[in-house]
């Protein structure tokens, strides 16, 4: 649903010894249409991406601490440098800070105190390790997990348990039990038998052994335990859904009552888990996203000797919290997750890691600082107007569809009118009052932040949905559509140059930001989003014939993208990327129509040797100028629902006659499909 893939486990796994960057006092300006990165020797009808971005990588080489570099990534890096300056000042200031500013400054100051972190060594983790060591029987496991899972911040310790919207009643939040337990990014890493995957598994096993040694285990014991960990995780992976299956909401919606949940895992005492976690004892409604996984988990808990289970918990705990420990853990974590898995040759600087952690754990407090300095009411109003125009274009498109019945059109327009547009930042900022931050304890701050967030989410179980809540911070260079909230969300940072550029003409802005708005709007009607109604309920509101017609048109897009290469002999998994590919295409079609309507009665000027229409398409193409290391390309091919940047550009315009007209493309050019063969859904 988002234009950029985020890998939080990787983002917090990197730390550098040195950096040549300095904080920024203000965000730098780059125009949304940058003629200096174009390669005009390329025929745009053959390759629009190279025409628009052919010199971008030359001018923007991948930094040594990055595995992928793009317009979005560069903006995010500049935001981090800017926020670094803000946080440095807050950390240095004692008086005059608000409560939130004090927490921001103290958290950042504690994170940046590398000497204190090194001196502490393994000591901060010891109380949690001692709890694992004290485990005497598997009957005590539920209470132990209830303590470890919130502290570790995620679902890596066997499974996840949190609150989320009920698929059948989007007004309510219920308990979700989710599959987890894996240290690799996807089940395929455990199951595929090609040479590269087998090599990566061996490297992963060696990494696990290295963590055990850092925990104080002898090399021989560490090696044995690493093999046991891999065996257990492989068994869990076999029972887990793949990435494509997880895109089908019906495959992850299985309601159980408390008795039914207990029957899935008779060897795990859910009542004891609930009591230790602090959720209501009478909780009786659960969505178990993957029942087969929990059945397999029960089998593995019965089969796995207690010492092996304790070793697994030690590994997952230490790995999850490694970025908050001393440099030995940080280096080991980076060497595998950063370098081996994604190809980044260098650890990120400490300041960057600290900014990322502040963003992750005090994100809306930091967002208030960012918005106050960078996001004007005029910018918000302009974006809201563009969004309204694109929604009007969507309604017109729906009404004009020849393949859709009037019944389904009416329901589609009803859903469109129900979409809520969130622009810039939340109307109500998050309350961090229950999150205590200390200037003296970096590790404790990280764990306290994880626990604060886990409890905040668990407290939602049984409560009405807060439709004003955001799941991204304002300083995030990204956007998203939420099918259950039925809202589109545009953080302030994605509405600044070089994406939305108030200094330039409308054409590139509609091609770039307009395409993003249309992209997120189209997600409400892609292969996944179309399965939810206007209130966010999982409900089939399509006639059978209309659904078949949609699937036929979507298959055109899937078949097209399945032919595109990623890296080596790997091609796009178009079943995984279908939703994003549909949104890219539908979004730009809507942006074009909105731009044309916006310009009625106005004169669009040619600039930089480009007509207004050409500027629209070049502006679109330049939103995703990028470069990627081969290791990250291979990772993304497995786990990223987005196609590579080149195909997100060329794969869209090959289906748009407007593009071919704008550049006077001739029949036979690579980006010219014969009439009748172009893919079109909306």
Foldseek 3Di string as FASTA:
>chain_A
DKPDDDDVLLLLLFAFPDDPDAADQDQDFDALQHCVQADCVDQCLFFVLCRLHVRVCVVPPDDLQDQKDWPQNVLLVNLLSHLLVVLCVLLPDDPDDDPLSVQSNLLLLLLPPQVLQQVCFCVVVVVLLVLLVPDDDLQCVLLNCLVQDLLLFDQQLQWDWFWDAAQFALQAIAIEIGGHNDPDDALCLLPDDDPLSVVLLVVQLVLQLLLVVSVPDDSVVSSVLSVLSSVLNNLLSVQDDALLLLLAQVLQFDKFFPVRLCVLQVSHDVLSNCVSNVFDSRRTIYRYGRSSSSNSSNVCSVPDDSVSSSSSSSSSSCSSLLSLHHPSSSVSSCVNSPCVQSNNNGGHHSSSSSSVLCCVQVVQSSLVVVCVVPPDPVLQVVLVVLLVLLLVLVLVVLVPDPQADPQLNVQVNVLSVLAAEAEAAFPDTDDCPVQDRHSNRNSVNSSSSSNVVRVVRRVRHGHTDDLRDDPHGLCNLMWAADLQSNYTYYRVSVSDPPQNDPVDDVQLNLLRVQLRSQLRSCLCVFPRNVCAGSNRHRHNSGDPSSVVVLVVLLVLLLVVQQPAAQDDRHGANSSLQSSNLQSLQRSNVSSVSSVVVVCVVHDFDDPPNAGSLRSNLSSNSSNTNMDRHPSNSVVCSRNPNHDHSSCSRLVRQLQPVSVCVRSVPDPPHNSHDPPPSRRDND
